């Protein structure tokens, strides 16, 4: 793919570079959809399971669903787009990935400068003392709900329907977006807030916006450039150009 001189010169001269990522980048890796296609899970809508009331009412069922999802995701690998973003951490003074995905693929690809605004499906926490657990074993057929040392019930550390994104994560996003000079917007439809507003915040503070997606989206109108295609192909090419 050919890239404009403006895109490459802006990117090469930027010190603060970031990306806002949505489901599109993970779909390239074959990440399963939010709801299972077969069996028990076809009987439930995601919002019927991914909320706190449902968890308190039937934690065994919710954990069974999350263990099913964790197993599927554990079998998926990052794609070249994830690895290209990880490599960008070494090319800029300040690089940050803001992702809406909970699938852990950015971390598996080696990214460290990362804000997972909706949490991480591989992480859990106690609802009583907030202790975090990053290494809980998962089995599709859960017999008992995991318990914390304090006696509290452990839940997946993801943002459920009706819950707010943690303030410290949002604060980090907003602080970065105000100083961001170049922002990639990758695989996101632009409908889910607050992430849908992130590109606008960056643009209002002078950032150059480049959208990478398979088609134009709800927020394409505010972009400086739109690159149609897969991030797994486009991002490695961009990395190659700026390293030369």
Protein backbone atom coordinates (compact mmCIF):
# COMPACT_ATOMS: atom_id res chain seq x y z
CA UNK A 1 0.00 0.00 0.00
CA UNK A 2 1.15 3.53 -0.77
CA UNK A 3 1.21 6.01 2.09
CA UNK A 4 1.08 9.77 1.71
CA UNK A 5 4.16 11.87 2.40
CA UNK A 6 2.08 13.79 4.93
CA UNK A 7 1.29 10.65 6.92
CA UNK A 8 4.89 9.44 7.00
CA UNK A 9 6.41 12.83 7.78
CA UNK A 10 3.90 13.54 10.53
CA UNK A 11 4.47 10.13 12.07
CA UNK A 12 8.27 10.32 11.90
CA UNK A 13 8.31 13.76 13.52
CA UNK A 14 5.91 12.85 16.35
CA UNK A 15 7.07 12.01 19.85
CA UNK A 16 3.65 11.22 21.34
CA UNK A 17 1.93 8.54 19.24
CA UNK A 18 -1.02 6.35 20.15
CA UNK A 19 -3.72 4.04 18.92
CA UNK A 20 -7.35 3.44 19.81
CA UNK A 21 -8.22 -0.18 19.01
CA UNK A 22 -11.53 -1.98 18.67
CA UNK A 23 -12.76 -5.45 17.80
CA UNK A 24 -11.53 -5.26 14.21
CA UNK A 25 -7.89 -5.87 15.07
CA UNK A 26 -8.81 -8.97 17.09
CA UNK A 27 -11.15 -10.37 14.45
CA UNK A 28 -8.11 -10.73 12.21
CA UNK A 29 -6.75 -13.22 14.76
CA UNK A 30 -9.98 -15.19 14.75
CA UNK A 31 -11.20 -14.07 18.18
CA UNK A 32 -14.66 -15.59 18.69
CA UNK A 33 -17.69 -13.37 18.88
CA UNK A 34 -18.94 -12.15 22.25
CA UNK A 35 -21.46 -14.94 22.48
CA UNK A 36 -20.78 -18.62 21.75
CA UNK A 37 -22.37 -19.97 18.61
CA UNK A 38 -23.27 -23.37 19.95
CA UNK A 39 -25.00 -25.02 22.85
CA UNK A 40 -26.05 -23.42 26.10
CA UNK A 41 -24.94 -19.87 25.31
CA UNK A 42 -27.34 -19.41 22.42
CA UNK A 43 -30.09 -19.24 25.06
CA UNK A 44 -28.66 -16.09 26.64
CA UNK A 45 -28.07 -12.54 25.50
CA UNK A 46 -24.60 -11.22 26.51
CA UNK A 47 -26.16 -8.54 28.70
CA UNK A 48 -27.98 -11.27 30.64
CA UNK A 49 -24.65 -12.73 31.75
CA UNK A 50 -22.20 -9.82 31.66
CA UNK A 51 -23.62 -7.81 34.53
CA UNK A 52 -23.14 -7.74 38.29
CA UNK A 53 -26.71 -8.69 39.21
CA UNK A 54 -26.51 -11.81 37.07
CA UNK A 55 -23.22 -12.70 38.71
CA UNK A 56 -24.59 -12.38 42.23
CA UNK A 57 -27.74 -14.29 41.26
CA UNK A 58 -25.91 -17.17 39.57
CA UNK A 59 -22.11 -16.90 39.79
CA UNK A 60 -21.65 -20.52 38.69
CA UNK A 61 -23.37 -19.85 35.37
CA UNK A 62 -21.46 -16.62 34.73
CA UNK A 63 -18.14 -18.27 35.54
CA UNK A 64 -18.98 -21.20 33.28
CA UNK A 65 -19.56 -18.73 30.42
CA UNK A 66 -16.33 -16.82 31.10
CA UNK A 67 -14.27 -19.99 31.36
CA UNK A 68 -15.71 -21.07 28.02
CA UNK A 69 -14.66 -17.71 26.52
CA UNK A 70 -11.24 -17.79 28.20
CA UNK A 71 -10.55 -21.21 26.74
CA UNK A 72 -11.44 -20.04 23.22
CA UNK A 73 -9.33 -16.88 23.53
CA UNK A 74 -6.36 -18.76 24.98
CA UNK A 75 -6.16 -20.70 21.73
CA UNK A 76 -5.88 -17.52 19.61
CA UNK A 77 -2.60 -15.77 18.79
CA UNK A 78 -1.79 -12.10 18.08
CA UNK A 79 -1.61 -11.14 14.42
CA UNK A 80 0.99 -8.94 12.65
CA UNK A 81 -1.04 -5.84 13.53
CA UNK A 82 -0.64 -6.52 17.26
CA UNK A 83 3.09 -7.12 16.82
CA UNK A 84 3.51 -3.95 14.78
CA UNK A 85 1.91 -1.88 17.55
CA UNK A 86 4.19 -3.56 20.08
CA UNK A 87 7.21 -2.65 17.96
CA UNK A 88 6.12 0.97 17.84
CA UNK A 89 6.79 1.25 21.57
CA UNK A 90 10.50 1.21 20.70
CA UNK A 91 10.20 3.78 17.91
CA UNK A 92 8.62 6.71 19.75
CA UNK A 93 9.38 8.58 22.97
CA UNK A 94 5.82 8.12 24.24
CA UNK A 95 3.56 5.45 22.73
CA UNK A 96 0.24 4.24 24.15
CA UNK A 97 -2.36 1.70 23.06
CA UNK A 98 -5.91 2.32 24.24
CA UNK A 99 -7.94 -0.82 23.57
CA UNK A 100 -11.59 -1.72 23.96
CA UNK A 101 -10.73 -5.41 23.67
CA UNK A 102 -10.50 -7.74 26.67
CA UNK A 103 -8.79 -10.61 24.83
CA UNK A 104 -5.23 -10.11 26.14
CA UNK A 105 -3.73 -10.19 22.61
CA UNK A 106 -1.87 -6.89 22.93
CA UNK A 107 -0.10 -8.20 26.03
CA UNK A 108 0.66 -11.52 24.33
CA UNK A 109 2.25 -9.53 21.49
CA UNK A 110 4.54 -7.79 23.98
CA UNK A 111 2.86 -4.40 24.41
CA UNK A 112 3.49 -2.81 27.79
CA UNK A 113 2.24 0.76 27.32
CA UNK A 114 -1.39 -0.26 27.32
CA UNK A 115 -4.74 0.85 28.71
CA UNK A 116 -7.43 -1.85 28.60
CA UNK A 117 -10.47 0.32 29.25
CA UNK A 118 -12.88 -2.64 29.40
CA UNK A 119 -10.54 -4.86 31.42
CA UNK A 120 -8.84 -8.15 30.61
CA UNK A 121 -10.70 -11.47 30.51
CA UNK A 122 -7.63 -13.31 31.85
CA UNK A 123 -7.61 -11.21 35.03
CA UNK A 124 -9.95 -11.55 38.01
CA UNK A 125 -10.60 -9.74 41.29
CA UNK A 126 -12.34 -10.24 44.60
CA UNK A 127 -15.63 -8.35 44.95
CA UNK A 128 -14.95 -7.88 48.68
CA UNK A 129 -11.30 -6.76 49.00
CA UNK A 130 -10.43 -6.07 45.32
CA UNK A 131 -7.40 -8.36 45.37
CA UNK A 132 -6.35 -9.19 41.82
CA UNK A 133 -5.72 -12.67 40.45
CA UNK A 134 -3.92 -13.09 37.14
CA UNK A 135 -3.38 -16.82 37.09
CA UNK A 136 -6.68 -18.49 37.91
CA UNK A 137 -6.98 -21.84 36.12
CA UNK A 138 -10.04 -22.13 33.93
CA UNK A 139 -12.22 -25.09 33.10
CA UNK A 140 -15.38 -25.11 31.02
CA UNK A 141 -17.33 -27.05 33.64
CA UNK A 142 -17.08 -25.02 36.83
CA UNK A 143 -18.20 -26.88 39.94
CA UNK A 144 -17.49 -24.12 42.45
CA UNK A 145 -17.01 -20.36 42.21
CA UNK A 146 -13.44 -19.21 42.99
CA UNK A 147 -13.06 -17.60 46.40
CA UNK A 148 -10.52 -15.10 47.70
CA UNK A 149 -8.41 -15.65 50.80
CA UNK A 150 -10.62 -13.06 52.51
CA UNK A 151 -13.69 -15.17 51.77
CA UNK A 152 -15.09 -12.96 49.04
CA UNK A 153 -16.25 -14.18 45.65
CA UNK A 154 -13.84 -13.66 42.74
CA UNK A 155 -15.20 -12.17 39.49
CA UNK A 156 -13.73 -11.57 36.03
CA UNK A 157 -11.96 -8.19 35.94
CA UNK A 158 -13.90 -6.79 33.00
CA UNK A 159 -16.31 -3.87 32.72
CA UNK A 160 -19.81 -5.28 32.64
CA UNK A 161 -23.01 -3.72 31.35
CA UNK A 162 -24.08 -0.97 33.72
CA UNK A 163 -20.58 -0.48 35.14
CA UNK A 164 -18.29 2.51 34.69
CA UNK A 165 -14.77 2.42 33.33
CA UNK A 166 -12.35 2.96 36.27
CA UNK A 167 -11.55 6.65 36.71
CA UNK A 168 -7.78 6.13 36.80
CA UNK A 169 -7.87 4.46 33.37
CA UNK A 170 -9.97 7.23 31.88
CA UNK A 171 -7.70 9.86 33.41
CA UNK A 172 -4.65 8.26 31.82
CA UNK A 173 -6.41 8.18 28.44
CA UNK A 174 -7.48 11.81 28.59
CA UNK A 175 -4.06 13.00 29.73
CA UNK A 176 -2.40 11.19 26.85
CA UNK A 177 -4.93 12.29 24.22
CA UNK A 178 -4.35 15.94 25.11
CA UNK A 179 -0.65 15.65 24.29
CA UNK A 180 -0.97 13.10 21.47
CA UNK A 181 0.49 14.24 18.14
CA UNK A 182 -0.46 11.25 15.97
CA UNK A 183 -3.29 8.79 16.60
CA UNK A 184 -4.15 5.54 14.82
CA UNK A 185 -7.82 4.57 15.07
CA UNK A 186 -7.96 0.83 14.36
CA UNK A 187 -10.86 -1.57 13.90
CA UNK A 188 -13.42 0.40 15.88
CA UNK A 189 -16.90 1.35 14.70
CA UNK A 190 -16.99 4.59 16.66
CA UNK A 191 -20.32 3.83 18.31
CA UNK A 192 -19.19 2.71 21.78
CA UNK A 193 -18.52 5.52 24.23
CA UNK A 194 -16.37 6.86 25.73
CA UNK A 195 -13.86 5.39 23.24
CA UNK A 196 -15.77 6.92 20.33
CA UNK A 197 -14.93 10.38 21.65
CA UNK A 198 -11.18 9.74 22.04
CA UNK A 199 -10.23 10.63 18.43
CA UNK A 200 -12.11 13.93 18.69
CA UNK A 201 -10.27 14.85 21.89
CA UNK A 202 -6.94 14.14 20.22
CA UNK A 203 -7.90 16.08 17.09
CA UNK A 204 -9.02 19.11 19.09
CA UNK A 205 -5.54 19.12 20.64
CA UNK A 206 -3.77 19.03 17.28
CA UNK A 207 -3.24 15.31 16.65
CA UNK A 208 -3.08 13.85 13.14
CA UNK A 209 -5.71 11.09 12.85
CA UNK A 210 -5.36 8.00 10.68
CA UNK A 211 -8.13 5.41 10.55
CA UNK A 212 -7.38 1.79 9.62
CA UNK A 213 -10.48 -0.31 9.00
CA UNK A 214 -12.10 -2.59 6.46
CA UNK A 215 -14.69 0.10 5.71
CA UNK A 216 -15.53 3.68 6.61
CA UNK A 217 -17.15 4.16 10.00
CA UNK A 218 -19.22 6.48 12.12
CA UNK A 219 -16.14 8.58 12.91
CA UNK A 220 -14.41 8.57 9.52
CA UNK A 221 -15.48 12.17 8.88
CA UNK A 222 -13.00 13.50 11.46
CA UNK A 223 -9.98 11.59 10.14
CA UNK A 224 -7.07 13.20 8.33
CA UNK A 225 -6.48 9.98 6.38
CA UNK A 226 -8.39 6.72 5.97
CA UNK A 227 -6.60 3.47 5.08
CA UNK A 228 -9.03 0.76 4.02
CA UNK A 229 -7.78 -2.77 4.63
CA UNK A 230 -6.59 -4.99 7.45
CA UNK A 231 -4.38 -3.66 10.22
CA UNK A 232 -2.42 -6.91 10.06
CA UNK A 233 -1.19 -5.88 6.62
CA UNK A 234 -1.12 -2.08 6.87
CA UNK A 235 0.58 -1.59 10.25
CA UNK A 236 3.68 -3.73 9.49
CA UNK A 237 4.11 -1.80 6.24
CA UNK A 238 3.97 1.51 8.12
CA UNK A 239 6.52 0.26 10.64
CA UNK A 240 8.79 -0.75 7.79
CA UNK A 241 8.52 2.71 6.21
CA UNK A 242 9.33 4.67 9.35
CA UNK A 243 12.26 2.44 10.27
CA UNK A 244 13.97 3.16 6.93
